[in-house]
Amino acid sequence: MRLSSIAQALAFVATALLLTACGHNSDSDTAITIIDGTPPLLTTDSSFTDGYTAVAAVFVSGQVQDSSGIRSLTYTLNEEPPQTLTIDKEGYFDDRILLSLGSNKVTLEATDNAGNIMRSTKTLYLGDTVAAGGSHTGALRDGQLYGWGRNNYGQTGLGLTTKVTDVMGHPDTPVIISRAPKNLLSINYNQNHSLAIDKHGKVYSWGADKYGQLGRGELGRNKL
């Protein structure tokens, strides 16, 4: 009876030691996995901003940073395929992006080695949507031309030439220039003549043409 009690006690101690050992090994073998879910930090200089531009390229520079390293930095212009930007070992980049006439959507995309992505998108309009001549003015809205002011050379684009002394024919508020195409992207006005370009690159001119300034190869005016 006594031997049996001692045997039971020894068995209990052995079991406790075994459980303790197993528990210790289990703790030491457990690995803690840290998942990187933070996108890279992408900073650009002040030239990369929404707005209008008369320059056919936007210059982008800045830095991209991430603790896991940078896999790639690309830019996308409108619907074109992504293009790679070169970054140095510290993540700095400096390049230029050629723009198309009209509206341009430019997206910078930085991807780190964990696959996290940071994007920065700006919209820039290349072209002049407002123009002023000597005494006439024009503006584009959604590709449609509006004009107002003096029209003694047909420079406003009304489709007629108006004498300076005429009461009518020199609109003092914007009017739709119905003769103009509805896909214009940029306009430029001089003293008494006007120019416009559409999305296909076709140039339109109207107004004074005494010296051939409309570029038509013949003299004339009021020919939008």
Protein backbone atom coordinates (compact mmCIF):
# COMPACT_ATOMS: atom_id res chain seq x y z
CA MET A 1 0.00 0.00 0.00
CA ARG A 2 2.84 2.39 0.88
CA LEU A 3 4.78 1.46 -2.25
CA SER A 4 1.76 2.15 -4.34
CA SER A 5 1.43 5.69 -2.89
CA ILE A 6 5.09 6.42 -3.59
CA ALA A 7 4.70 5.18 -7.17
CA GLN A 8 1.68 7.39 -7.67
CA ALA A 9 3.54 10.41 -6.31
CA LEU A 10 6.51 9.78 -8.61
CA ALA A 11 4.19 9.41 -11.58
CA PHE A 12 2.52 12.74 -10.73
CA VAL A 13 5.88 14.54 -10.48
CA ALA A 14 7.06 13.06 -13.79
CA THR A 15 3.87 14.13 -15.51
CA ALA A 16 4.17 17.67 -14.15
CA LEU A 17 7.78 17.94 -15.32
CA LEU A 18 6.82 16.66 -18.77
CA LEU A 19 3.98 19.15 -19.11
CA THR A 20 6.26 21.99 -18.00
CA ALA A 21 8.88 21.04 -20.53
CA CYS A 22 6.32 20.83 -23.34
CA GLY A 23 4.90 24.19 -22.42
CA HIS A 24 8.36 25.81 -22.47
CA ASN A 25 9.20 24.39 -25.90
CA SER A 26 5.86 25.52 -27.27
CA ASP A 27 6.54 29.12 -26.22
CA SER A 28 10.03 29.15 -27.70
CA ASP A 29 8.88 27.74 -31.05
CA THR A 30 6.06 30.28 -31.55
CA ALA A 31 7.06 32.93 -34.17
CA ILE A 32 5.44 36.37 -34.20
CA THR A 33 4.73 37.56 -37.79
CA ILE A 34 4.53 41.31 -38.37
CA ILE A 35 2.56 42.29 -41.50
CA ASP A 36 3.63 45.51 -43.24
CA GLY A 37 0.43 47.31 -44.23
CA THR A 38 1.82 50.84 -44.40
CA PRO A 39 2.17 52.37 -47.89
CA PRO A 40 5.33 54.24 -48.83
CA LEU A 41 5.71 57.95 -48.12
CA LEU A 42 5.58 59.91 -51.42
CA THR A 43 6.42 63.61 -51.41
CA THR A 44 6.64 65.94 -54.43
CA ASP A 45 7.67 69.54 -54.94
CA SER A 46 5.24 72.43 -55.45
CA SER A 47 5.32 72.23 -59.27
CA PHE A 48 3.27 69.03 -59.23
CA THR A 49 -0.16 70.51 -58.62
CA ASP A 50 -3.59 70.85 -60.22
CA GLY A 51 -4.10 73.79 -62.56
CA TYR A 52 -3.38 75.29 -65.97
CA THR A 53 -0.08 75.45 -67.79
CA ALA A 54 1.32 76.94 -70.99
CA VAL A 55 4.36 74.64 -70.87
CA ALA A 56 4.15 71.30 -72.67
CA ALA A 57 5.87 69.39 -69.85
CA VAL A 58 5.50 69.12 -66.11
CA PHE A 59 8.66 68.66 -64.04
CA VAL A 60 8.23 66.28 -61.12
CA SER A 61 10.73 65.78 -58.34
CA GLY A 62 10.57 64.54 -54.78
CA GLN A 63 11.28 61.50 -52.64
CA VAL A 64 9.69 58.14 -51.94
CA GLN A 65 10.49 56.31 -48.70
CA ASP A 66 9.57 53.02 -47.00
CA SER A 67 11.21 50.88 -44.33
CA SER A 68 10.82 47.73 -46.43
CA GLY A 69 12.34 49.33 -49.53
CA ILE A 70 10.83 50.63 -52.77
CA ARG A 71 9.94 48.19 -55.53
CA SER A 72 8.94 50.75 -58.19
CA LEU A 73 7.86 54.31 -58.95
CA THR A 74 5.79 54.91 -62.09
CA TYR A 75 3.63 57.58 -63.67
CA THR A 76 0.52 57.24 -65.83
CA LEU A 77 -0.59 59.98 -68.24
CA ASN A 78 -4.30 59.79 -69.08
CA GLU A 79 -4.94 56.26 -70.41
CA GLU A 80 -1.40 55.52 -71.56
CA PRO A 81 0.61 52.57 -70.12
CA PRO A 82 2.61 53.27 -66.94
CA GLN A 83 6.15 54.60 -67.34
CA THR A 84 8.97 54.02 -64.85
CA LEU A 85 10.60 56.92 -63.01
CA THR A 86 14.21 56.53 -61.90
CA ILE A 87 14.91 56.83 -58.18
CA ASP A 88 18.32 56.94 -56.49
CA LYS A 89 19.37 54.88 -53.46
CA GLU A 90 17.85 57.43 -51.10
CA GLY A 91 14.54 57.48 -52.97
CA TYR A 92 14.92 60.85 -54.71
CA PHE A 93 13.57 61.31 -58.24
CA ASP A 94 13.63 64.15 -60.78
CA ASP A 95 12.10 63.88 -64.25
CA ARG A 96 9.73 65.53 -66.71
CA ILE A 97 6.45 64.34 -68.16
CA LEU A 98 5.35 65.53 -71.61
CA LEU A 99 1.73 66.68 -71.66
CA SER A 100 -0.94 66.55 -74.34
CA LEU A 101 -2.94 69.61 -75.40
CA GLY A 102 -6.03 69.89 -73.23
CA SER A 103 -6.72 68.07 -69.98
CA ASN A 104 -4.03 65.77 -68.54
CA LYS A 105 -4.48 63.37 -65.64
CA VAL A 106 -1.10 62.43 -64.19
CA THR A 107 -0.82 59.73 -61.53
CA LEU A 108 2.38 58.88 -59.62
CA GLU A 109 2.35 55.39 -58.09
CA ALA A 110 4.92 54.17 -55.57
CA THR A 111 5.01 50.49 -54.57
CA ASP A 112 7.09 49.12 -51.69
CA ASN A 113 8.60 45.62 -51.42
CA ALA A 114 5.60 44.45 -49.37
CA GLY A 115 3.23 45.39 -52.21
CA ASN A 116 1.73 48.46 -50.54
CA ILE A 117 0.87 51.31 -52.92
CA MET A 118 0.71 55.09 -52.57
CA ARG A 119 -0.73 57.23 -55.40
CA SER A 120 -0.72 60.95 -56.08
CA THR A 121 -2.96 62.26 -58.90
CA LYS A 122 -3.05 65.75 -60.41
CA THR A 123 -4.98 67.24 -63.33
CA LEU A 124 -3.24 69.82 -65.51
CA TYR A 125 -4.72 71.66 -68.48
CA LEU A 126 -2.30 72.53 -71.28
CA GLY A 127 -3.58 75.49 -73.29
CA ASP A 128 -5.24 78.90 -72.96
CA THR A 129 -8.96 78.87 -72.26
CA VAL A 130 -9.20 82.67 -71.98
CA ALA A 131 -7.68 85.20 -74.41
CA ALA A 132 -7.83 88.96 -74.96
CA GLY A 133 -6.94 91.03 -78.01
CA GLY A 134 -6.89 94.79 -78.45
CA SER A 135 -10.59 95.23 -77.71
CA HIS A 136 -12.08 91.73 -77.95
CA THR A 137 -12.09 88.72 -75.65
CA GLY A 138 -12.83 85.02 -75.87
CA ALA A 139 -13.22 82.07 -73.53
CA LEU A 140 -13.61 78.32 -73.83
CA ARG A 141 -15.99 76.25 -71.76
CA ASP A 142 -16.19 72.52 -72.43
CA GLY A 143 -14.68 73.11 -75.85
CA GLN A 144 -17.28 75.71 -76.86
CA LEU A 145 -16.09 79.21 -77.79
CA TYR A 146 -17.65 82.37 -76.34
CA GLY A 147 -16.73 85.85 -77.56
CA TRP A 148 -17.40 89.51 -76.84
CA GLY A 149 -16.03 92.96 -77.59
CA ARG A 150 -15.17 94.94 -80.73
CA ASN A 151 -15.86 93.23 -84.04
CA ASN A 152 -14.86 95.77 -86.71
CA TYR A 153 -12.54 93.19 -88.32
CA GLY A 154 -14.69 90.17 -87.53
CA GLN A 155 -12.23 89.34 -84.74
CA THR A 156 -14.93 88.29 -82.27
CA GLY A 157 -16.00 85.49 -84.62
CA LEU A 158 -19.66 86.41 -85.08
CA GLY A 159 -19.49 85.63 -88.79
CA LEU A 160 -19.78 89.25 -89.87
CA THR A 161 -17.82 92.50 -89.82
CA THR A 162 -19.32 95.32 -87.77
CA LYS A 163 -18.57 99.02 -88.18
CA VAL A 164 -17.17 100.71 -85.10
CA THR A 165 -20.08 103.17 -85.15
CA ASP A 166 -22.70 100.41 -85.21
CA VAL A 167 -24.73 100.08 -82.04
CA MET A 168 -25.19 96.35 -82.52
CA GLY A 169 -22.58 93.75 -83.42
CA HIS A 170 -20.09 94.49 -80.64
CA PRO A 171 -21.38 92.27 -77.80
CA ASP A 172 -20.52 93.50 -74.34
CA THR A 173 -21.38 90.15 -72.73
CA PRO A 174 -20.23 86.64 -73.77
CA VAL A 175 -22.12 85.08 -76.69
CA ILE A 176 -21.71 81.59 -78.12
CA ILE A 177 -19.74 81.66 -81.36
CA SER A 178 -21.91 79.24 -83.29
CA ARG A 179 -19.54 79.10 -86.28
CA ALA A 180 -16.73 77.73 -84.12
CA PRO A 181 -16.22 73.97 -83.72
CA LYS A 182 -17.17 72.52 -80.35
CA ASN A 183 -13.94 70.68 -79.62
CA LEU A 184 -11.50 73.58 -79.22
CA LEU A 185 -8.71 73.18 -76.67
CA SER A 186 -6.82 76.48 -76.77
CA ILE A 187 -7.25 80.04 -78.07
CA ASN A 188 -4.95 83.02 -78.57
CA TYR A 189 -5.97 86.55 -79.58
CA ASN A 190 -3.88 89.38 -81.02
CA GLN A 191 -4.75 93.03 -81.66
CA ASN A 192 -7.48 92.41 -84.23
CA HIS A 193 -7.30 88.72 -85.12
CA SER A 194 -7.91 85.44 -83.34
CA LEU A 195 -6.59 81.88 -83.41
CA ALA A 196 -7.81 78.56 -82.02
CA ILE A 197 -6.74 74.91 -82.11
CA ASP A 198 -8.92 71.83 -81.69
CA LYS A 199 -8.23 68.40 -80.19
CA HIS A 200 -7.14 67.08 -83.59
CA GLY A 201 -4.51 69.80 -84.02
CA LYS A 202 -6.49 71.74 -86.62
CA VAL A 203 -5.93 75.52 -86.46
CA TYR A 204 -8.69 78.10 -87.01
CA SER A 205 -8.17 81.83 -87.61
CA TRP A 206 -10.38 84.89 -88.10
CA GLY A 207 -10.27 88.69 -87.98
CA ALA A 208 -7.92 91.23 -89.58
CA ASP A 209 -5.82 89.82 -92.42
CA LYS A 210 -4.35 92.86 -94.19
CA TYR A 211 -0.84 91.48 -93.83
CA GLY A 212 -1.75 87.79 -94.05
CA GLN A 213 -1.68 87.30 -90.29
CA LEU A 214 -4.39 84.64 -90.48
CA GLY A 215 -1.93 82.36 -92.26
CA ARG A 216 -4.34 81.30 -94.98
CA GLY A 217 -2.13 82.13 -97.94
CA GLU A 218 -4.58 84.73 -99.14
CA LEU A 219 -5.78 88.09 -97.90
CA GLY A 220 -9.22 88.42 -96.37
CA ARG A 221 -10.98 88.54 -93.04
CA ASN A 222 -14.02 87.37 -91.12
CA LYS A 223 -13.27 83.74 -92.01
CA LEU A 224 -13.69 81.56 -88.98
